[in-house]
Amino acid sequence: SLTQINIPDGVTSIGISAFQDCHSLTKINIPDGVTSIGTSAFQDCYSLTQINIPDGVTSISLGAFYACCSLTQINIPDSVTSIGSSAFQACYSLTQINIPDGVTSIGTNAFYYCNSLCDILLESKPTLASTNAFGDLPSNYRIYVPRENLPWFETETNWSTIYAQGHIVTIEDYINYLESIGFNVDKYKEAA
């Protein structure tokens, strides 16, 4: 029956399965001192609608937000370098996500079956464990990348398949649209 919780300052990590199956939890604030979110930490928190991941978190572990099916939006801070396998799998209500410049790897099934996820802003060139990381998304989903990075996605392992399917486009070509749905793309305006 837990509906919300405040994690106090001083906590530095959220352990494995810490809040798994807290089905009534709607909101959680993670303090700035936290640097790691453990495997399945929020798995099956069906009612969780929003979460703030603070700067300082460096990795989002395996299944951390698996099946958080009410989550509509999430902010991934610049400090994150890896998104684990199934980290956001089956987050049915997630419509958009910004993957920042610091992310260097995206695991298998990371966003699999996020069947409302249409807009993904991807500023880095991360390794992709499998094309299933973006499997079973809406047929019109787009991954927006900086224009200068586009040739890399065209040839890179696993990314090349997604590119060939027409899902990878440039940020610069969609500046106005991305702004209209709330992405901060100011640094790309001059190039556009």
N, C-alpha and C. Protein backbone atom coordinates (compact mmCIF):
# COMPACT_ATOMS: atom_id res chain seq x y z
N SER A 1 0.79 -1.22 0.00
CA SER A 1 0.00 0.00 0.00
C SER A 1 0.83 1.28 0.00
N LEU A 2 2.14 1.16 -0.06
CA LEU A 2 3.03 2.33 -0.07
C LEU A 2 2.79 3.16 -1.32
N THR A 3 2.43 4.44 -1.15
CA THR A 3 2.13 5.28 -2.31
C THR A 3 3.24 6.25 -2.66
N GLN A 4 3.99 6.72 -1.68
CA GLN A 4 5.13 7.59 -1.99
C GLN A 4 6.17 7.49 -0.89
N ILE A 5 7.38 7.85 -1.25
CA ILE A 5 8.47 7.76 -0.27
C ILE A 5 9.49 8.83 -0.55
N ASN A 6 10.07 9.36 0.50
CA ASN A 6 11.15 10.33 0.37
C ASN A 6 12.44 9.65 0.86
N ILE A 7 13.39 9.53 -0.03
CA ILE A 7 14.68 8.95 0.34
C ILE A 7 15.57 10.09 0.82
N PRO A 8 16.08 10.00 2.03
CA PRO A 8 16.80 11.15 2.61
C PRO A 8 18.19 11.35 2.01
N ASP A 9 18.68 12.56 2.17
CA ASP A 9 20.06 12.86 1.82
C ASP A 9 20.97 11.95 2.62
N GLY A 10 22.05 11.55 2.02
CA GLY A 10 22.98 10.65 2.69
C GLY A 10 22.97 9.27 2.07
N VAL A 11 21.83 8.90 1.47
CA VAL A 11 21.76 7.61 0.78
C VAL A 11 22.56 7.72 -0.53
N THR A 12 23.42 6.74 -0.80
CA THR A 12 24.26 6.79 -2.00
C THR A 12 23.91 5.72 -3.02
N SER A 13 23.18 4.69 -2.61
CA SER A 13 22.80 3.67 -3.58
C SER A 13 21.44 3.08 -3.23
N ILE A 14 20.72 2.69 -4.27
CA ILE A 14 19.44 2.00 -4.11
C ILE A 14 19.68 0.56 -4.55
N GLY A 15 19.52 -0.36 -3.64
CA GLY A 15 19.96 -1.73 -3.86
C GLY A 15 19.06 -2.55 -4.77
N ILE A 16 19.50 -3.78 -5.00
CA ILE A 16 18.79 -4.73 -5.85
C ILE A 16 17.37 -4.95 -5.34
N SER A 17 16.40 -4.78 -6.22
CA SER A 17 14.98 -5.04 -5.93
C SER A 17 14.43 -4.24 -4.74
N ALA A 18 15.04 -3.09 -4.45
CA ALA A 18 14.67 -2.31 -3.26
C ALA A 18 13.17 -2.00 -3.19
N PHE A 19 12.58 -1.61 -4.31
CA PHE A 19 11.15 -1.25 -4.34
C PHE A 19 10.37 -2.13 -5.32
N GLN A 20 10.91 -3.24 -5.69
CA GLN A 20 10.24 -4.13 -6.65
C GLN A 20 8.86 -4.54 -6.13
N ASP A 21 7.88 -4.51 -7.03
CA ASP A 21 6.51 -4.93 -6.73
C ASP A 21 5.78 -4.02 -5.73
N CYS A 22 6.26 -2.78 -5.58
CA CYS A 22 5.49 -1.79 -4.80
C CYS A 22 4.43 -1.22 -5.75
N HIS A 23 3.35 -1.93 -5.92
CA HIS A 23 2.39 -1.66 -6.99
C HIS A 23 1.62 -0.36 -6.82
N SER A 24 1.59 0.21 -5.61
CA SER A 24 0.84 1.45 -5.39
C SER A 24 1.72 2.69 -5.35
N LEU A 25 3.02 2.51 -5.48
CA LEU A 25 3.96 3.63 -5.41
C LEU A 25 3.80 4.52 -6.65
N THR A 26 3.46 5.79 -6.43
CA THR A 26 3.19 6.69 -7.56
C THR A 26 4.32 7.67 -7.82
N LYS A 27 5.07 8.02 -6.77
CA LYS A 27 6.08 9.06 -6.93
C LYS A 27 7.24 8.78 -5.99
N ILE A 28 8.44 9.05 -6.48
CA ILE A 28 9.61 8.88 -5.63
C ILE A 28 10.65 9.93 -5.98
N ASN A 29 11.28 10.47 -4.98
CA ASN A 29 12.35 11.43 -5.19
C ASN A 29 13.66 10.80 -4.75
N ILE A 30 14.61 10.75 -5.68
CA ILE A 30 15.91 10.18 -5.38
C ILE A 30 16.87 11.34 -5.12
N PRO A 31 17.49 11.40 -3.96
CA PRO A 31 18.35 12.55 -3.63
C PRO A 31 19.64 12.59 -4.44
N ASP A 32 20.26 13.75 -4.42
CA ASP A 32 21.44 14.01 -5.25
C ASP A 32 22.63 13.10 -4.93
N GLY A 33 22.71 12.59 -3.72
CA GLY A 33 23.87 11.78 -3.35
C GLY A 33 23.89 10.38 -3.94
N VAL A 34 22.77 9.94 -4.50
CA VAL A 34 22.69 8.58 -5.04
C VAL A 34 23.50 8.47 -6.33
N THR A 35 24.36 7.44 -6.40
CA THR A 35 25.19 7.24 -7.59
C THR A 35 24.85 5.95 -8.34
N SER A 36 24.12 5.05 -7.70
CA SER A 36 23.78 3.80 -8.41
C SER A 36 22.35 3.35 -8.09
N ILE A 37 21.69 2.84 -9.11
CA ILE A 37 20.34 2.29 -8.99
C ILE A 37 20.45 0.81 -9.35
N GLY A 38 20.18 -0.05 -8.40
CA GLY A 38 20.44 -1.48 -8.55
C GLY A 38 19.49 -2.21 -9.48
N THR A 39 19.87 -3.44 -9.77
CA THR A 39 19.07 -4.33 -10.61
C THR A 39 17.64 -4.45 -10.08
N SER A 40 16.68 -4.25 -10.95
CA SER A 40 15.25 -4.41 -10.63
C SER A 40 14.78 -3.53 -9.48
N ALA A 41 15.47 -2.42 -9.24
CA ALA A 41 15.16 -1.55 -8.09
C ALA A 41 13.70 -1.12 -8.05
N PHE A 42 13.13 -0.80 -9.22
CA PHE A 42 11.73 -0.34 -9.28
C PHE A 42 10.89 -1.24 -10.19
N GLN A 43 11.33 -2.44 -10.42
CA GLN A 43 10.61 -3.34 -11.33
C GLN A 43 9.18 -3.57 -10.86
N ASP A 44 8.25 -3.54 -11.81
CA ASP A 44 6.83 -3.79 -11.54
C ASP A 44 6.19 -2.80 -10.58
N CYS A 45 6.73 -1.58 -10.55
CA CYS A 45 6.05 -0.49 -9.83
C CYS A 45 5.02 0.10 -10.80
N TYR A 46 3.90 -0.58 -10.94
CA TYR A 46 2.93 -0.29 -11.99
C TYR A 46 2.37 1.12 -11.95
N SER A 47 2.29 1.72 -10.75
CA SER A 47 1.63 3.02 -10.60
C SER A 47 2.59 4.20 -10.63
N LEU A 48 3.88 3.94 -10.75
CA LEU A 48 4.88 5.01 -10.72
C LEU A 48 4.74 5.87 -11.98
N THR A 49 4.41 7.15 -11.78
CA THR A 49 4.18 8.04 -12.92
C THR A 49 5.36 8.95 -13.21
N GLN A 50 6.15 9.24 -12.19
CA GLN A 50 7.30 10.10 -12.43
C GLN A 50 8.43 9.77 -11.47
N ILE A 51 9.64 9.98 -11.96
CA ILE A 51 10.81 9.75 -11.14
C ILE A 51 11.91 10.69 -11.59
N ASN A 52 12.64 11.19 -10.63
CA ASN A 52 13.76 12.08 -10.94
C ASN A 52 15.05 11.34 -10.64
N ILE A 53 15.87 11.14 -11.67
CA ILE A 53 17.18 10.52 -11.48
C ILE A 53 18.20 11.65 -11.36
N PRO A 54 18.87 11.77 -10.24
CA PRO A 54 19.75 12.92 -10.04
C PRO A 54 21.07 12.82 -10.78
N ASP A 55 21.69 13.97 -11.01
CA ASP A 55 23.06 13.99 -11.50
C ASP A 55 23.93 13.23 -10.51
N GLY A 56 24.83 12.45 -11.01
CA GLY A 56 25.68 11.65 -10.14
C GLY A 56 25.45 10.17 -10.35
N VAL A 57 24.23 9.79 -10.76
CA VAL A 57 23.96 8.39 -11.09
C VAL A 57 24.72 8.07 -12.38
N THR A 58 25.52 7.01 -12.35
CA THR A 58 26.35 6.69 -13.51
C THR A 58 25.80 5.52 -14.33
N SER A 59 24.98 4.68 -13.72
CA SER A 59 24.42 3.57 -14.50
C SER A 59 23.00 3.26 -14.06
N ILE A 60 22.20 2.87 -15.02
CA ILE A 60 20.84 2.40 -14.75
C ILE A 60 20.87 0.90 -15.01
N SER A 61 20.74 0.13 -13.97
CA SER A 61 21.05 -1.30 -14.02
C SER A 61 19.96 -2.13 -14.70
N LEU A 62 20.29 -3.39 -14.87
CA LEU A 62 19.41 -4.39 -15.46
C LEU A 62 18.02 -4.34 -14.84
N GLY A 63 17.01 -4.11 -15.68
CA GLY A 63 15.62 -4.16 -15.24
C GLY A 63 15.22 -3.13 -14.20
N ALA A 64 15.98 -2.04 -14.08
CA ALA A 64 15.74 -1.07 -13.00
C ALA A 64 14.30 -0.54 -13.00
N PHE A 65 13.74 -0.27 -14.18
CA PHE A 65 12.38 0.26 -14.28
C PHE A 65 11.49 -0.66 -15.13
N TYR A 66 11.83 -1.90 -15.17
CA TYR A 66 11.09 -2.89 -15.96
C TYR A 66 9.60 -2.88 -15.58
N ALA A 67 8.74 -2.76 -16.59
CA ALA A 67 7.28 -2.81 -16.41
C ALA A 67 6.74 -1.72 -15.49
N CYS A 68 7.40 -0.56 -15.49
CA CYS A 68 6.80 0.62 -14.82
C CYS A 68 5.84 1.23 -15.84
N CYS A 69 4.69 0.62 -15.97
CA CYS A 69 3.83 0.88 -17.13
C CYS A 69 3.03 2.18 -17.03
N SER A 70 3.12 2.93 -15.93
CA SER A 70 2.48 4.24 -15.85
C SER A 70 3.46 5.39 -16.02
N LEU A 71 4.73 5.06 -16.16
CA LEU A 71 5.77 6.08 -16.29
C LEU A 71 5.67 6.74 -17.67
N THR A 72 5.40 8.05 -17.67
CA THR A 72 5.21 8.75 -18.95
C THR A 72 6.46 9.49 -19.40
N GLN A 73 7.30 9.87 -18.47
CA GLN A 73 8.48 10.65 -18.82
C GLN A 73 9.57 10.38 -17.79
N ILE A 74 10.81 10.37 -18.25
CA ILE A 74 11.92 10.19 -17.33
C ILE A 74 13.10 11.00 -17.82
N ASN A 75 13.81 11.59 -16.89
CA ASN A 75 14.98 12.38 -17.24
C ASN A 75 16.22 11.58 -16.90
N ILE A 76 17.05 11.32 -17.91
CA ILE A 76 18.31 10.63 -17.67
C ILE A 76 19.40 11.69 -17.62
N PRO A 77 20.10 11.83 -16.50
CA PRO A 77 21.10 12.90 -16.38
C PRO A 77 22.36 12.64 -17.20
N ASP A 78 23.12 13.69 -17.40
CA ASP A 78 24.35 13.60 -18.19
C ASP A 78 25.38 12.67 -17.58
N SER A 79 25.28 12.41 -16.28
CA SER A 79 26.27 11.57 -15.61
C SER A 79 26.14 10.09 -15.95
N VAL A 80 24.99 9.67 -16.48
CA VAL A 80 24.77 8.25 -16.79
C VAL A 80 25.62 7.84 -17.99
N THR A 81 26.34 6.72 -17.83
CA THR A 81 27.17 6.21 -18.92
C THR A 81 26.63 4.90 -19.50
N SER A 82 25.79 4.19 -18.77
CA SER A 82 25.26 2.93 -19.30
C SER A 82 23.80 2.73 -18.91
N ILE A 83 23.04 2.18 -19.86
CA ILE A 83 21.65 1.81 -19.64
C ILE A 83 21.59 0.30 -19.79
N GLY A 84 21.26 -0.38 -18.72
CA GLY A 84 21.33 -1.84 -18.69
C GLY A 84 20.24 -2.53 -19.47
N SER A 85 20.42 -3.84 -19.65
CA SER A 85 19.43 -4.66 -20.33
C SER A 85 18.08 -4.57 -19.62
N SER A 86 17.04 -4.41 -20.41
CA SER A 86 15.65 -4.36 -19.91
C SER A 86 15.41 -3.23 -18.91
N ALA A 87 16.26 -2.20 -18.91
CA ALA A 87 16.14 -1.11 -17.93
C ALA A 87 14.77 -0.46 -17.96
N PHE A 88 14.22 -0.24 -19.16
CA PHE A 88 12.91 0.39 -19.31
C PHE A 88 11.95 -0.51 -20.10
N GLN A 89 12.23 -1.78 -20.17
CA GLN A 89 11.38 -2.68 -20.94
C GLN A 89 9.94 -2.66 -20.43
N ALA A 90 9.00 -2.66 -21.36
CA ALA A 90 7.56 -2.70 -21.03
C ALA A 90 7.09 -1.49 -20.24
N CYS A 91 7.74 -0.34 -20.45
CA CYS A 91 7.22 0.92 -19.90
C CYS A 91 6.23 1.45 -20.94
N TYR A 92 5.03 0.93 -20.91
CA TYR A 92 4.04 1.14 -21.97
C TYR A 92 3.66 2.59 -22.20
N SER A 93 3.73 3.42 -21.15
CA SER A 93 3.24 4.79 -21.25
C SER A 93 4.32 5.80 -21.61
N LEU A 94 5.56 5.36 -21.67
CA LEU A 94 6.67 6.26 -21.98
C LEU A 94 6.58 6.71 -23.43
N THR A 95 6.48 8.02 -23.65
CA THR A 95 6.29 8.53 -25.01
C THR A 95 7.56 9.13 -25.62
N GLN A 96 8.46 9.61 -24.77
CA GLN A 96 9.70 10.21 -25.27
C GLN A 96 10.80 10.08 -24.23
N ILE A 97 12.03 10.11 -24.71
CA ILE A 97 13.16 10.00 -23.79
C ILE A 97 14.37 10.67 -24.40
N ASN A 98 15.16 11.30 -23.54
CA ASN A 98 16.42 11.93 -23.95
C ASN A 98 17.57 11.08 -23.42
N ILE A 99 18.38 10.54 -24.31
CA ILE A 99 19.55 9.77 -23.92
C ILE A 99 20.76 10.69 -24.11
N PRO A 100 21.38 11.13 -23.01
CA PRO A 100 22.38 12.19 -23.10
C PRO A 100 23.73 11.73 -23.66
N ASP A 101 24.58 12.71 -23.83
CA ASP A 101 25.86 12.55 -24.50
C ASP A 101 26.81 11.58 -23.81
N GLY A 102 26.66 11.40 -22.51
CA GLY A 102 27.59 10.56 -21.76
C GLY A 102 27.34 9.06 -21.87
N VAL A 103 26.19 8.66 -22.39
CA VAL A 103 25.84 7.23 -22.46
C VAL A 103 26.71 6.53 -23.50
N THR A 104 27.42 5.49 -23.07
CA THR A 104 28.33 4.77 -23.98
C THR A 104 27.83 3.37 -24.32
N SER A 105 26.81 2.87 -23.61
CA SER A 105 26.30 1.53 -23.93
C SER A 105 24.81 1.43 -23.58
N ILE A 106 24.10 0.70 -24.42
CA ILE A 106 22.67 0.42 -24.22
C ILE A 106 22.49 -1.09 -24.32
N GLY A 107 21.92 -1.69 -23.27
CA GLY A 107 21.81 -3.14 -23.20
C GLY A 107 20.65 -3.71 -23.98
N THR A 108 20.65 -5.03 -24.11
CA THR A 108 19.59 -5.77 -24.79
C THR A 108 18.23 -5.47 -24.16
N ASN A 109 17.24 -5.25 -25.00
CA ASN A 109 15.85 -5.02 -24.54
C ASN A 109 15.67 -3.79 -23.67
N ALA A 110 16.62 -2.85 -23.71
CA ALA A 110 16.57 -1.68 -22.82
C ALA A 110 15.24 -0.94 -22.92
N PHE A 111 14.71 -0.79 -24.14
CA PHE A 111 13.44 -0.09 -24.35
C PHE A 111 12.44 -1.00 -25.08
N TYR A 112 12.64 -2.28 -24.99
CA TYR A 112 11.79 -3.24 -25.69
C TYR A 112 10.34 -3.16 -25.19
N TYR A 113 9.42 -3.19 -26.14
CA TYR A 113 7.99 -3.17 -25.86
C TYR A 113 7.54 -1.91 -25.13
N CYS A 114 8.23 -0.81 -25.39
CA CYS A 114 7.72 0.50 -24.96
C CYS A 114 6.83 0.98 -26.10
N ASN A 115 5.62 0.49 -26.12
CA ASN A 115 4.81 0.63 -27.34
C ASN A 115 4.13 1.98 -27.53
N SER A 116 4.50 2.98 -26.69
CA SER A 116 4.09 4.36 -26.95
C SER A 116 5.29 5.26 -27.22
N LEU A 117 6.49 4.69 -27.20
CA LEU A 117 7.71 5.48 -27.33
C LEU A 117 7.98 5.82 -28.80
N CYS A 118 7.71 7.07 -29.16
CA CYS A 118 7.85 7.50 -30.55
C CYS A 118 9.08 8.38 -30.78
N ASP A 119 9.55 9.08 -29.76
CA ASP A 119 10.60 10.09 -29.95
C ASP A 119 11.75 9.86 -28.98
N ILE A 120 12.93 9.57 -29.54
CA ILE A 120 14.12 9.28 -28.74
C ILE A 120 15.22 10.22 -29.21
N LEU A 121 15.65 11.11 -28.33
CA LEU A 121 16.76 12.01 -28.63
C LEU A 121 18.03 11.35 -28.14
N LEU A 122 18.95 11.08 -29.04
CA LEU A 122 20.17 10.33 -28.72
C LEU A 122 21.38 11.16 -29.12
N GLU A 123 22.06 11.73 -28.12
CA GLU A 123 23.14 12.66 -28.41
C GLU A 123 24.52 12.00 -28.47
N SER A 124 24.62 10.74 -28.04
CA SER A 124 25.92 10.06 -28.03
C SER A 124 25.99 9.00 -29.12
N LYS A 125 27.09 8.25 -29.12
CA LYS A 125 27.27 7.13 -30.05
C LYS A 125 27.54 5.87 -29.23
N PRO A 126 26.51 5.36 -28.56
CA PRO A 126 26.71 4.21 -27.67
C PRO A 126 26.77 2.88 -28.41
N THR A 127 27.47 1.91 -27.85
CA THR A 127 27.38 0.56 -28.38
C THR A 127 25.97 0.05 -28.11
N LEU A 128 25.48 -0.80 -28.99
CA LEU A 128 24.12 -1.33 -28.87
C LEU A 128 24.21 -2.84 -28.83
N ALA A 129 23.81 -3.43 -27.71
CA ALA A 129 23.98 -4.88 -27.52
C ALA A 129 23.13 -5.68 -28.50
N SER A 130 21.97 -5.13 -28.88
CA SER A 130 21.06 -5.85 -29.76
C SER A 130 20.05 -4.88 -30.34
N THR A 131 19.57 -5.18 -31.56
CA THR A 131 18.51 -4.34 -32.13
C THR A 131 17.24 -4.44 -31.30
N ASN A 132 17.11 -5.48 -30.49
CA ASN A 132 15.95 -5.63 -29.62
C ASN A 132 15.88 -4.55 -28.54
N ALA A 133 16.96 -3.81 -28.37
CA ALA A 133 16.92 -2.69 -27.41
C ALA A 133 15.76 -1.75 -27.75
N PHE A 134 15.45 -1.64 -29.04
CA PHE A 134 14.34 -0.80 -29.50
C PHE A 134 13.30 -1.64 -30.24
N GLY A 135 13.14 -2.88 -29.81
CA GLY A 135 12.19 -3.78 -30.46
C GLY A 135 10.77 -3.55 -30.01
N ASP A 136 9.84 -3.78 -30.92
CA ASP A 136 8.40 -3.69 -30.62
C ASP A 136 7.97 -2.31 -30.19
N LEU A 137 8.58 -1.28 -30.79
CA LEU A 137 8.15 0.10 -30.61
C LEU A 137 7.12 0.44 -31.69
N PRO A 138 6.46 1.60 -31.60
CA PRO A 138 5.53 1.98 -32.68
C PRO A 138 6.24 2.00 -34.03
N SER A 139 5.54 1.69 -35.08
CA SER A 139 6.16 1.58 -36.40
C SER A 139 6.77 2.90 -36.88
N ASN A 140 6.29 4.02 -36.32
CA ASN A 140 6.77 5.33 -36.76
C ASN A 140 7.78 5.95 -35.79
N TYR A 141 8.36 5.15 -34.90
CA TYR A 141 9.29 5.74 -33.93
C TYR A 141 10.53 6.29 -34.63
N ARG A 142 11.09 7.35 -34.02
CA ARG A 142 12.30 7.96 -34.58
C ARG A 142 13.34 8.16 -33.50
N ILE A 143 14.58 7.94 -33.88
CA ILE A 143 15.73 8.23 -33.04
C ILE A 143 16.45 9.41 -33.67
N TYR A 144 16.51 10.51 -32.93
CA TYR A 144 17.10 11.75 -33.46
C TYR A 144 18.55 11.85 -33.00
N VAL A 145 19.47 11.96 -33.94
CA VAL A 145 20.89 12.01 -33.61
C VAL A 145 21.51 13.27 -34.24
N PRO A 146 22.63 13.77 -33.68
CA PRO A 146 23.29 14.91 -34.31
C PRO A 146 23.72 14.56 -35.74
N ARG A 147 23.57 15.49 -36.64
CA ARG A 147 23.87 15.25 -38.06
C ARG A 147 25.29 14.70 -38.26
N GLU A 148 26.23 15.21 -37.49
CA GLU A 148 27.62 14.77 -37.65
C GLU A 148 27.82 13.30 -37.27
N ASN A 149 26.90 12.75 -36.48
CA ASN A 149 27.00 11.35 -36.05
C ASN A 149 26.32 10.37 -36.99
N LEU A 150 25.52 10.87 -37.91
CA LEU A 150 24.69 10.00 -38.75
C LEU A 150 25.49 8.93 -39.50
N PRO A 151 26.64 9.26 -40.12
CA PRO A 151 27.41 8.22 -40.83
C PRO A 151 27.83 7.06 -39.93
N TRP A 152 28.10 7.35 -38.66
CA TRP A 152 28.50 6.30 -37.71
C TRP A 152 27.37 5.30 -37.52
N PHE A 153 26.14 5.78 -37.34
CA PHE A 153 24.99 4.90 -37.15
C PHE A 153 24.70 4.06 -38.39
N GLU A 154 25.03 4.59 -39.55
CA GLU A 154 24.77 3.89 -40.81
C GLU A 154 25.57 2.60 -40.93
N THR A 155 26.72 2.55 -40.28
CA THR A 155 27.60 1.39 -40.45
C THR A 155 27.86 0.59 -39.17
N GLU A 156 27.51 1.14 -38.03
CA GLU A 156 27.87 0.50 -36.76
C GLU A 156 27.00 -0.73 -36.48
N THR A 157 27.63 -1.75 -35.87
CA THR A 157 26.94 -3.00 -35.55
C THR A 157 25.62 -2.75 -34.81
N ASN A 158 24.58 -3.41 -35.27
CA ASN A 158 23.21 -3.32 -34.74
C ASN A 158 22.53 -1.99 -35.07
N TRP A 159 23.23 -0.88 -34.94
CA TRP A 159 22.63 0.40 -35.32
C TRP A 159 22.31 0.44 -36.81
N SER A 160 23.16 -0.19 -37.62
CA SER A 160 22.97 -0.13 -39.08
C SER A 160 21.63 -0.73 -39.50
N THR A 161 21.18 -1.73 -38.77
CA THR A 161 19.88 -2.35 -39.08
C THR A 161 18.75 -1.36 -38.81
N ILE A 162 18.81 -0.68 -37.69
CA ILE A 162 17.79 0.32 -37.34
C ILE A 162 17.84 1.48 -38.32
N TYR A 163 19.05 1.88 -38.71
CA TYR A 163 19.22 2.94 -39.70
C TYR A 163 18.56 2.54 -41.02
N ALA A 164 18.81 1.33 -41.46
CA ALA A 164 18.27 0.85 -42.74
C ALA A 164 16.75 0.80 -42.73
N GLN A 165 16.16 0.67 -41.55
CA GLN A 165 14.70 0.65 -41.43
C GLN A 165 14.10 2.06 -41.43
N GLY A 166 14.95 3.08 -41.47
CA GLY A 166 14.49 4.46 -41.57
C GLY A 166 14.15 5.12 -40.26
N HIS A 167 14.57 4.53 -39.14
CA HIS A 167 14.19 5.08 -37.84
C HIS A 167 15.17 6.13 -37.31
N ILE A 168 16.35 6.24 -37.91
CA ILE A 168 17.35 7.19 -37.41
C ILE A 168 17.38 8.40 -38.33
N VAL A 169 17.13 9.57 -37.74
CA VAL A 169 17.09 10.83 -38.48
C VAL A 169 17.93 11.86 -37.72
N THR A 170 18.15 13.01 -38.32
CA THR A 170 18.99 14.01 -37.66
C THR A 170 18.16 14.98 -36.81
N ILE A 171 18.77 15.39 -35.71
CA ILE A 171 18.14 16.39 -34.83
C ILE A 171 17.90 17.68 -35.61
N GLU A 172 18.90 18.07 -36.40
CA GLU A 172 18.83 19.35 -37.11
C GLU A 172 17.64 19.42 -38.07
N ASP A 173 17.23 18.30 -38.63
CA ASP A 173 16.11 18.29 -39.57
C ASP A 173 14.74 18.37 -38.88
N TYR A 174 14.75 18.19 -37.56
CA TYR A 174 13.48 18.16 -36.82
C TYR A 174 13.49 19.13 -35.63
N ILE A 175 14.30 20.18 -35.74
CA ILE A 175 14.46 21.15 -34.65
C ILE A 175 13.12 21.66 -34.13
N ASN A 176 12.28 22.15 -35.00
CA ASN A 176 11.00 22.76 -34.58
C ASN A 176 10.10 21.74 -33.90
N TYR A 177 10.03 20.55 -34.48
CA TYR A 177 9.19 19.51 -33.88
C TYR A 177 9.70 19.11 -32.50
N LEU A 178 11.01 18.91 -32.38
CA LEU A 178 11.58 18.49 -31.11
C LEU A 178 11.37 19.56 -30.03
N GLU A 179 11.49 20.83 -30.42
CA GLU A 179 11.20 21.91 -29.48
C GLU A 179 9.74 21.88 -29.04
N SER A 180 8.86 21.62 -29.98
CA SER A 180 7.42 21.66 -29.69
C SER A 180 6.99 20.58 -28.71
N ILE A 181 7.76 19.47 -28.65
CA ILE A 181 7.39 18.40 -27.71
C ILE A 181 8.26 18.43 -26.44
N GLY A 182 9.04 19.52 -26.30
CA GLY A 182 9.70 19.76 -25.02
C GLY A 182 11.17 19.41 -24.91
N PHE A 183 11.80 18.99 -26.00
CA PHE A 183 13.23 18.71 -25.94
C PHE A 183 14.04 20.01 -26.02
N ASN A 184 15.14 20.06 -25.30
CA ASN A 184 16.04 21.21 -25.38
C ASN A 184 17.07 20.94 -26.47
N VAL A 185 16.92 21.63 -27.58
CA VAL A 185 17.80 21.41 -28.74
C VAL A 185 18.49 22.71 -29.17
N ASP A 186 18.62 23.64 -28.23
CA ASP A 186 19.19 24.94 -28.55
C ASP A 186 20.57 24.85 -29.20
N LYS A 187 21.39 23.92 -28.73
CA LYS A 187 22.77 23.85 -29.24
C LYS A 187 22.85 23.34 -30.68
N TYR A 188 21.73 22.84 -31.21
CA TYR A 188 21.72 22.36 -32.59
C TYR A 188 21.10 23.36 -33.56
N LYS A 189 20.61 24.48 -33.06
CA LYS A 189 19.87 25.42 -33.91
C LYS A 189 20.76 26.04 -34.99
N GLU A 190 21.98 26.39 -34.63
CA GLU A 190 22.86 27.05 -35.60
C GLU A 190 23.16 26.15 -36.79
N ALA A 191 23.39 24.87 -36.50
CA ALA A 191 23.68 23.92 -37.57
C ALA A 191 22.48 23.66 -38.46
N ALA A 192 21.28 23.80 -37.86
CA ALA A 192 20.05 23.56 -38.63
C ALA A 192 19.84 24.66 -39.65
